């Protein structure tokens, strides 16, 4: 199973909150925790990681808080994952290079490199603005009755 970490998922939620509220560019950790219903310590931890990853800027003082370091259409999902989880790497040989004893004669490694590049490219093409707009989803299809065969008329 390919999964992003819970912290990366939360990071996307937090950054999407900034993008949803462009009239309020500076937001505090406490306000973000309330709006997203996340625990304040978790929010603070993620904001610090995003600050170190250059996705946020911080301001001190009474009107202080955090703000996006660049417009949301210039921040990709890949940028967020990189800041929180590190580089996108679907297999061990892509993330560590040389960590597998079969790597030098592996017949599928080149394909994993291609697949990893495709996934990374898709994540780079998906911007923070896309995460707040999202696809227009229609109604969910009705559940099939028990024992029904897919693709055949009743």
N, C-alpha and C. Protein backbone atom coordinates (compact mmCIF):
# COMPACT_ATOMS: atom_id res chain seq x y z
N UNK A 1 0.84 -1.17 0.00
CA UNK A 1 0.00 0.00 0.00
C UNK A 1 0.89 1.24 0.00
N UNK A 2 0.55 2.18 -0.82
CA UNK A 2 1.28 3.44 -0.88
C UNK A 2 0.46 4.48 -0.11
N UNK A 3 1.10 5.08 0.91
CA UNK A 3 0.39 6.04 1.75
C UNK A 3 1.31 7.20 2.10
N UNK A 4 0.72 8.37 2.24
CA UNK A 4 1.48 9.48 2.80
C UNK A 4 1.26 9.44 4.31
N UNK A 5 2.15 10.06 5.04
CA UNK A 5 2.03 10.03 6.50
C UNK A 5 0.86 10.89 6.97
N UNK A 6 0.42 10.61 8.18
CA UNK A 6 -0.66 11.39 8.77
C UNK A 6 -0.23 12.86 8.92
N UNK A 7 1.04 13.08 9.28
CA UNK A 7 1.52 14.46 9.42
C UNK A 7 1.51 15.19 8.08
N UNK A 8 1.85 14.51 6.99
CA UNK A 8 1.81 15.14 5.67
C UNK A 8 0.37 15.45 5.28
N UNK A 9 -0.53 14.54 5.57
CA UNK A 9 -1.95 14.77 5.30
C UNK A 9 -2.42 16.00 6.08
N UNK A 10 -2.08 16.07 7.36
CA UNK A 10 -2.45 17.22 8.18
C UNK A 10 -1.80 18.50 7.66
N UNK A 11 -0.57 18.39 7.18
CA UNK A 11 0.11 19.57 6.62
C UNK A 11 -0.64 20.13 5.43
N UNK A 12 -1.15 19.24 4.58
CA UNK A 12 -1.93 19.68 3.43
C UNK A 12 -3.22 20.36 3.90
N UNK A 13 -3.86 19.79 4.91
CA UNK A 13 -5.09 20.38 5.46
C UNK A 13 -4.79 21.79 6.00
N UNK A 14 -3.70 21.94 6.73
CA UNK A 14 -3.35 23.25 7.30
C UNK A 14 -3.05 24.28 6.21
N UNK A 15 -2.25 23.88 5.23
CA UNK A 15 -1.92 24.82 4.15
C UNK A 15 -3.15 25.16 3.33
N UNK A 16 -4.05 24.21 3.16
CA UNK A 16 -5.30 24.49 2.44
C UNK A 16 -6.13 25.52 3.20
N UNK A 17 -6.04 25.51 4.52
CA UNK A 17 -6.77 26.51 5.31
C UNK A 17 -6.26 27.92 5.00
N UNK A 18 -4.95 28.07 4.84
CA UNK A 18 -4.40 29.37 4.44
C UNK A 18 -4.94 29.77 3.08
N UNK A 19 -4.95 28.83 2.15
CA UNK A 19 -5.38 29.12 0.78
C UNK A 19 -6.87 29.45 0.72
N UNK A 20 -7.67 28.87 1.60
CA UNK A 20 -9.11 29.13 1.63
C UNK A 20 -9.44 30.52 2.16
N UNK A 21 -8.53 31.10 2.89
CA UNK A 21 -8.80 32.38 3.56
C UNK A 21 -7.76 33.43 3.17
N UNK A 22 -7.71 33.82 1.87
CA UNK A 22 -6.68 34.77 1.44
C UNK A 22 -6.82 36.16 2.07
N UNK A 23 -8.01 36.48 2.58
CA UNK A 23 -8.20 37.77 3.25
C UNK A 23 -7.56 37.81 4.62
N UNK A 24 -7.17 36.66 5.14
CA UNK A 24 -6.53 36.56 6.44
C UNK A 24 -5.20 35.82 6.26
N UNK A 25 -4.21 36.51 5.66
CA UNK A 25 -2.97 35.79 5.32
C UNK A 25 -2.16 35.33 6.53
N UNK A 26 -2.26 36.03 7.66
CA UNK A 26 -1.50 35.65 8.86
C UNK A 26 -2.45 34.95 9.81
N UNK A 27 -2.10 33.71 10.16
CA UNK A 27 -2.95 32.92 11.04
C UNK A 27 -2.11 32.32 12.16
N UNK A 28 -2.69 32.22 13.32
CA UNK A 28 -1.97 31.65 14.46
C UNK A 28 -2.20 30.14 14.53
N UNK A 29 -1.31 29.48 15.23
CA UNK A 29 -1.45 28.03 15.42
C UNK A 29 -2.76 27.73 16.14
N UNK A 30 -3.12 28.53 17.10
CA UNK A 30 -4.36 28.31 17.85
C UNK A 30 -5.58 28.43 16.93
N UNK A 31 -5.62 29.47 16.09
CA UNK A 31 -6.74 29.64 15.16
C UNK A 31 -6.83 28.47 14.18
N UNK A 32 -5.68 28.05 13.67
CA UNK A 32 -5.65 26.92 12.73
C UNK A 32 -6.13 25.64 13.40
N UNK A 33 -5.75 25.43 14.64
CA UNK A 33 -6.18 24.24 15.38
C UNK A 33 -7.71 24.25 15.54
N UNK A 34 -8.27 25.42 15.86
CA UNK A 34 -9.72 25.52 16.01
C UNK A 34 -10.43 25.28 14.68
N UNK A 35 -9.95 25.91 13.62
CA UNK A 35 -10.62 25.80 12.31
C UNK A 35 -10.54 24.40 11.73
N UNK A 36 -9.44 23.71 11.96
CA UNK A 36 -9.25 22.38 11.38
C UNK A 36 -9.62 21.26 12.35
N UNK A 37 -9.89 21.62 13.59
CA UNK A 37 -10.23 20.65 14.64
C UNK A 37 -9.11 19.65 14.88
N UNK A 38 -7.88 20.14 14.77
CA UNK A 38 -6.70 19.32 15.07
C UNK A 38 -6.15 19.72 16.42
N UNK A 39 -5.47 18.80 17.10
CA UNK A 39 -4.85 19.15 18.39
C UNK A 39 -3.80 20.25 18.20
N UNK A 40 -3.83 21.25 19.09
CA UNK A 40 -2.91 22.38 18.99
C UNK A 40 -1.44 21.95 18.97
N UNK A 41 -1.00 20.98 19.79
CA UNK A 41 0.41 20.59 19.73
C UNK A 41 0.81 20.02 18.35
N UNK A 42 -0.10 19.28 17.74
CA UNK A 42 0.17 18.72 16.42
C UNK A 42 0.27 19.83 15.39
N UNK A 43 -0.64 20.79 15.46
CA UNK A 43 -0.62 21.93 14.54
C UNK A 43 0.70 22.69 14.69
N UNK A 44 1.11 22.96 15.90
CA UNK A 44 2.36 23.69 16.13
C UNK A 44 3.55 22.94 15.56
N UNK A 45 3.58 21.64 15.78
CA UNK A 45 4.67 20.81 15.27
C UNK A 45 4.74 20.88 13.75
N UNK A 46 3.61 20.72 13.09
CA UNK A 46 3.57 20.72 11.62
C UNK A 46 3.93 22.10 11.07
N UNK A 47 3.44 23.15 11.70
CA UNK A 47 3.76 24.51 11.24
C UNK A 47 5.27 24.77 11.29
N UNK A 48 5.93 24.29 12.32
CA UNK A 48 7.38 24.45 12.42
C UNK A 48 8.10 23.71 11.30
N UNK A 49 7.61 22.51 10.97
CA UNK A 49 8.21 21.74 9.88
C UNK A 49 8.00 22.46 8.55
N UNK A 50 6.80 22.99 8.33
CA UNK A 50 6.51 23.72 7.09
C UNK A 50 7.30 25.02 7.01
N UNK A 51 7.57 25.63 8.14
CA UNK A 51 8.41 26.82 8.18
C UNK A 51 9.84 26.47 7.77
N UNK A 52 10.38 25.39 8.33
CA UNK A 52 11.73 24.93 7.95
C UNK A 52 11.79 24.52 6.48
N UNK A 53 10.67 24.02 5.95
CA UNK A 53 10.60 23.62 4.55
C UNK A 53 10.34 24.78 3.60
N UNK A 54 10.36 26.00 4.12
CA UNK A 54 10.18 27.23 3.33
C UNK A 54 8.81 27.35 2.67
N UNK A 55 7.80 26.71 3.23
CA UNK A 55 6.45 26.85 2.71
C UNK A 55 5.67 27.91 3.47
N UNK A 56 6.14 28.24 4.66
CA UNK A 56 5.52 29.27 5.49
C UNK A 56 6.56 30.29 5.91
N UNK A 57 6.08 31.49 6.19
CA UNK A 57 6.87 32.52 6.86
C UNK A 57 6.21 32.77 8.20
N UNK A 58 6.97 33.25 9.17
CA UNK A 58 6.38 33.56 10.47
C UNK A 58 6.61 35.02 10.81
N UNK A 59 5.68 35.56 11.59
CA UNK A 59 5.78 36.93 12.09
C UNK A 59 5.60 36.89 13.60
N UNK A 60 6.46 37.60 14.28
CA UNK A 60 6.35 37.68 15.74
C UNK A 60 5.51 38.88 16.13
N UNK A 61 5.07 38.88 17.37
CA UNK A 61 4.37 40.04 17.90
C UNK A 61 2.88 39.81 18.04
N UNK A 62 2.19 40.89 18.47
CA UNK A 62 0.76 40.82 18.74
C UNK A 62 -0.04 40.42 17.51
N UNK A 63 0.37 40.83 16.36
CA UNK A 63 -0.32 40.49 15.10
C UNK A 63 0.41 39.36 14.38
N UNK A 64 1.19 38.60 15.12
CA UNK A 64 2.03 37.56 14.54
C UNK A 64 1.28 36.29 14.21
N UNK A 65 2.00 35.42 13.58
CA UNK A 65 1.46 34.13 13.19
C UNK A 65 2.23 33.61 11.99
N UNK A 66 1.57 32.81 11.20
CA UNK A 66 2.18 32.20 10.02
C UNK A 66 1.43 32.64 8.77
N UNK A 67 2.15 32.65 7.65
CA UNK A 67 1.52 32.90 6.36
C UNK A 67 2.26 32.12 5.29
N UNK A 68 1.57 31.86 4.18
CA UNK A 68 2.20 31.14 3.08
C UNK A 68 3.39 31.93 2.57
N UNK A 69 4.45 31.24 2.20
CA UNK A 69 5.66 31.90 1.70
C UNK A 69 5.52 32.31 0.24
N UNK A 70 4.56 31.73 -0.46
CA UNK A 70 4.29 32.09 -1.86
C UNK A 70 2.82 31.79 -2.15
N UNK A 71 2.31 32.27 -3.27
CA UNK A 71 0.90 32.04 -3.57
C UNK A 71 0.56 30.55 -3.64
N UNK A 72 -0.67 30.17 -3.28
CA UNK A 72 -1.04 28.75 -3.24
C UNK A 72 -0.95 28.05 -4.59
N UNK A 73 -1.03 28.78 -5.69
CA UNK A 73 -0.89 28.13 -6.99
C UNK A 73 0.56 27.87 -7.35
N UNK A 74 1.48 28.25 -6.46
CA UNK A 74 2.90 27.98 -6.66
C UNK A 74 3.44 26.98 -5.63
N UNK A 75 2.54 26.38 -4.86
CA UNK A 75 2.93 25.36 -3.89
C UNK A 75 2.30 24.05 -4.33
N UNK A 76 3.13 23.06 -4.62
CA UNK A 76 2.61 21.76 -5.08
C UNK A 76 2.47 20.79 -3.90
N UNK A 77 1.66 19.78 -4.12
CA UNK A 77 1.54 18.72 -3.12
C UNK A 77 2.91 18.06 -2.92
N UNK A 78 3.69 17.95 -3.98
CA UNK A 78 5.04 17.38 -3.86
C UNK A 78 5.90 18.24 -2.93
N UNK A 79 5.77 19.57 -3.00
CA UNK A 79 6.52 20.47 -2.11
C UNK A 79 6.17 20.17 -0.65
N UNK A 80 4.89 19.97 -0.39
CA UNK A 80 4.43 19.72 0.98
C UNK A 80 4.95 18.38 1.48
N UNK A 81 4.83 17.35 0.64
CA UNK A 81 5.32 16.03 1.04
C UNK A 81 6.83 16.04 1.27
N UNK A 82 7.55 16.75 0.42
CA UNK A 82 9.00 16.86 0.58
C UNK A 82 9.35 17.52 1.92
N UNK A 83 8.64 18.58 2.26
CA UNK A 83 8.92 19.29 3.51
C UNK A 83 8.65 18.43 4.74
N UNK A 84 7.63 17.59 4.67
CA UNK A 84 7.24 16.83 5.86
C UNK A 84 7.83 15.42 5.86
N UNK A 85 7.72 14.70 4.74
CA UNK A 85 8.13 13.29 4.70
C UNK A 85 9.45 13.06 3.99
N UNK A 86 9.95 14.04 3.28
CA UNK A 86 11.15 13.84 2.47
C UNK A 86 10.76 13.51 1.03
N UNK A 87 11.73 13.19 0.20
CA UNK A 87 11.46 12.96 -1.22
C UNK A 87 10.49 11.78 -1.45
N UNK A 88 9.71 11.90 -2.52
CA UNK A 88 8.80 10.83 -2.91
C UNK A 88 9.63 9.66 -3.40
N UNK A 89 9.48 8.52 -2.78
CA UNK A 89 10.22 7.31 -3.16
C UNK A 89 9.33 6.11 -2.88
N UNK A 90 8.87 5.47 -3.94
CA UNK A 90 7.93 4.36 -3.79
C UNK A 90 8.60 3.06 -3.35
N UNK A 91 9.87 2.90 -3.65
CA UNK A 91 10.58 1.68 -3.25
C UNK A 91 11.88 2.05 -2.54
N UNK A 92 12.42 1.10 -1.82
CA UNK A 92 13.65 1.34 -1.07
C UNK A 92 14.82 1.70 -1.98
N UNK A 93 14.90 1.07 -3.15
CA UNK A 93 16.05 1.34 -4.03
C UNK A 93 16.01 2.77 -4.58
N UNK A 94 14.82 3.37 -4.62
CA UNK A 94 14.73 4.75 -5.09
C UNK A 94 15.09 5.71 -3.97
N UNK A 95 14.69 5.37 -2.75
CA UNK A 95 14.94 6.29 -1.65
C UNK A 95 16.38 6.24 -1.15
N UNK A 96 17.00 5.06 -1.20
CA UNK A 96 18.34 4.98 -0.63
C UNK A 96 19.42 4.72 -1.67
N UNK A 97 19.08 4.13 -2.79
CA UNK A 97 20.07 3.82 -3.81
C UNK A 97 21.24 3.04 -3.24
N UNK A 98 21.31 1.78 -3.50
CA UNK A 98 22.38 0.97 -2.96
C UNK A 98 21.98 0.20 -1.72
N UNK A 99 20.72 0.36 -1.29
CA UNK A 99 20.29 -0.32 -0.09
C UNK A 99 19.82 -1.74 -0.32
N UNK A 100 19.73 -2.15 -1.57
CA UNK A 100 19.24 -3.49 -1.89
C UNK A 100 20.37 -4.32 -2.49
N UNK A 101 20.52 -5.54 -1.99
CA UNK A 101 21.60 -6.39 -2.50
C UNK A 101 21.35 -6.84 -3.94
N UNK A 102 20.13 -6.81 -4.42
CA UNK A 102 19.81 -7.24 -5.78
C UNK A 102 19.77 -6.07 -6.77
N UNK A 103 20.06 -4.88 -6.30
CA UNK A 103 19.88 -3.68 -7.12
C UNK A 103 20.68 -3.71 -8.43
N UNK A 104 21.91 -4.18 -8.39
CA UNK A 104 22.74 -4.09 -9.60
C UNK A 104 22.30 -5.05 -10.70
N UNK A 105 21.55 -6.09 -10.38
CA UNK A 105 21.06 -6.98 -11.42
C UNK A 105 19.52 -7.05 -11.46
N UNK A 106 18.86 -6.11 -10.80
CA UNK A 106 17.39 -6.09 -10.75
C UNK A 106 16.83 -5.74 -12.13
N UNK A 107 15.89 -6.52 -12.58
CA UNK A 107 15.31 -6.32 -13.90
C UNK A 107 14.13 -5.36 -13.90
N UNK A 108 13.65 -4.94 -12.74
CA UNK A 108 12.49 -4.03 -12.71
C UNK A 108 12.82 -2.66 -12.13
N UNK A 109 14.02 -2.46 -11.65
CA UNK A 109 14.37 -1.17 -11.02
C UNK A 109 14.12 0.00 -11.95
N UNK A 110 14.50 -0.11 -13.21
CA UNK A 110 14.31 0.99 -14.16
C UNK A 110 12.82 1.35 -14.28
N UNK A 111 11.97 0.35 -14.22
CA UNK A 111 10.54 0.62 -14.28
C UNK A 111 10.04 1.30 -13.01
N UNK A 112 10.60 0.91 -11.86
CA UNK A 112 10.23 1.59 -10.62
C UNK A 112 10.67 3.05 -10.66
N UNK A 113 11.81 3.32 -11.25
CA UNK A 113 12.26 4.70 -11.40
C UNK A 113 11.26 5.48 -12.25
N UNK A 114 10.79 4.87 -13.34
CA UNK A 114 9.80 5.52 -14.21
C UNK A 114 8.49 5.75 -13.46
N UNK A 115 8.03 4.74 -12.74
CA UNK A 115 6.78 4.87 -11.99
C UNK A 115 6.92 5.96 -10.93
N UNK A 116 8.02 5.95 -10.21
CA UNK A 116 8.25 6.97 -9.19
C UNK A 116 8.24 8.37 -9.81
N UNK A 117 8.86 8.51 -10.97
CA UNK A 117 8.87 9.80 -11.66
C UNK A 117 7.48 10.24 -12.07
N UNK A 118 6.66 9.29 -12.51
CA UNK A 118 5.29 9.63 -12.90
C UNK A 118 4.47 10.08 -11.70
N UNK A 119 4.61 9.38 -10.58
CA UNK A 119 3.89 9.77 -9.37
C UNK A 119 4.37 11.13 -8.89
N UNK A 120 5.68 11.31 -8.85
CA UNK A 120 6.23 12.61 -8.43
C UNK A 120 5.74 13.72 -9.36
N UNK A 121 5.73 13.47 -10.67
CA UNK A 121 5.25 14.47 -11.63
C UNK A 121 3.79 14.83 -11.39
N UNK A 122 2.97 13.83 -11.09
CA UNK A 122 1.56 14.09 -10.81
C UNK A 122 1.41 14.94 -9.55
N UNK A 123 2.20 14.64 -8.53
CA UNK A 123 2.13 15.41 -7.28
C UNK A 123 2.66 16.83 -7.47
N UNK A 124 3.65 16.99 -8.34
CA UNK A 124 4.17 18.33 -8.64
C UNK A 124 3.14 19.15 -9.42
N UNK A 125 2.34 18.49 -10.24
CA UNK A 125 1.33 19.18 -11.02
C UNK A 125 0.09 19.55 -10.24
N UNK A 126 -0.10 18.93 -9.08
CA UNK A 126 -1.25 19.21 -8.23
C UNK A 126 -0.88 20.30 -7.24
N UNK A 127 -1.53 21.44 -7.36
CA UNK A 127 -1.20 22.61 -6.54
C UNK A 127 -2.12 22.72 -5.34
N UNK A 128 -1.72 23.53 -4.39
CA UNK A 128 -2.52 23.77 -3.19
C UNK A 128 -3.89 24.32 -3.57
N UNK A 129 -3.97 25.15 -4.60
CA UNK A 129 -5.27 25.65 -5.05
C UNK A 129 -6.17 24.51 -5.51
N UNK A 130 -5.60 23.48 -6.11
CA UNK A 130 -6.39 22.32 -6.52
C UNK A 130 -6.96 21.59 -5.31
N UNK A 131 -6.25 21.62 -4.21
CA UNK A 131 -6.69 20.91 -3.01
C UNK A 131 -7.87 21.61 -2.34
N UNK A 132 -8.07 22.90 -2.61
CA UNK A 132 -9.22 23.57 -2.01
C UNK A 132 -10.41 23.62 -2.95
N UNK A 133 -10.16 23.49 -4.25
CA UNK A 133 -11.24 23.50 -5.22
C UNK A 133 -11.79 22.09 -5.36
N UNK A 134 -10.91 21.17 -5.67
CA UNK A 134 -11.27 19.77 -5.80
C UNK A 134 -12.14 19.50 -7.00
N UNK A 135 -12.26 18.26 -7.35
CA UNK A 135 -13.11 17.88 -8.49
C UNK A 135 -14.58 18.02 -8.12
N UNK A 136 -15.39 18.25 -9.10
CA UNK A 136 -16.83 18.30 -8.88
C UNK A 136 -17.34 16.86 -8.92
N UNK A 137 -17.68 16.36 -7.78
CA UNK A 137 -18.13 14.98 -7.68
C UNK A 137 -19.65 14.92 -7.74
N UNK A 138 -20.14 13.99 -8.50
CA UNK A 138 -21.58 13.77 -8.57
C UNK A 138 -22.02 12.90 -7.42
N UNK A 139 -23.29 12.52 -7.41
CA UNK A 139 -23.76 11.65 -6.34
C UNK A 139 -23.09 10.28 -6.42
N UNK A 140 -22.91 9.68 -5.29
CA UNK A 140 -22.29 8.36 -5.25
C UNK A 140 -23.25 7.34 -5.83
N UNK A 141 -22.73 6.36 -6.57
CA UNK A 141 -23.61 5.32 -7.11
C UNK A 141 -24.22 4.50 -5.98
N UNK A 142 -25.42 4.03 -6.21
CA UNK A 142 -26.10 3.21 -5.20
C UNK A 142 -25.32 1.92 -5.01
N UNK A 143 -25.32 1.43 -3.81
CA UNK A 143 -24.64 0.17 -3.51
C UNK A 143 -25.34 -0.97 -4.24
N UNK A 144 -24.57 -1.93 -4.70
CA UNK A 144 -25.14 -3.11 -5.36
C UNK A 144 -25.79 -4.00 -4.33
N UNK A 145 -26.94 -4.54 -4.65
CA UNK A 145 -27.56 -5.48 -3.69
C UNK A 145 -26.69 -6.72 -3.53
N UNK A 146 -26.79 -7.32 -2.39
CA UNK A 146 -25.99 -8.52 -2.11
C UNK A 146 -26.25 -9.58 -3.17
N UNK A 147 -25.20 -10.15 -3.68
CA UNK A 147 -25.32 -11.23 -4.65
C UNK A 147 -25.47 -10.76 -6.08
N UNK A 148 -25.57 -9.42 -6.31
CA UNK A 148 -25.72 -8.92 -7.67
C UNK A 148 -24.40 -9.07 -8.42
N UNK A 149 -24.49 -9.32 -9.72
CA UNK A 149 -23.30 -9.47 -10.54
C UNK A 149 -23.03 -8.16 -11.24
N UNK A 150 -21.80 -7.64 -11.12
CA UNK A 150 -21.42 -6.38 -11.75
C UNK A 150 -21.45 -6.52 -13.26
N UNK A 151 -21.95 -5.50 -13.95
CA UNK A 151 -21.87 -5.45 -15.40
C UNK A 151 -22.95 -6.24 -16.12
N UNK A 152 -23.83 -6.93 -15.43
CA UNK A 152 -24.89 -7.70 -16.07
C UNK A 152 -26.23 -7.11 -15.68
N UNK A 153 -27.12 -7.06 -16.62
CA UNK A 153 -28.47 -6.57 -16.34
C UNK A 153 -29.20 -7.57 -15.47
N UNK A 154 -30.08 -7.08 -14.57
CA UNK A 154 -30.82 -8.01 -13.69
C UNK A 154 -31.79 -8.86 -14.46
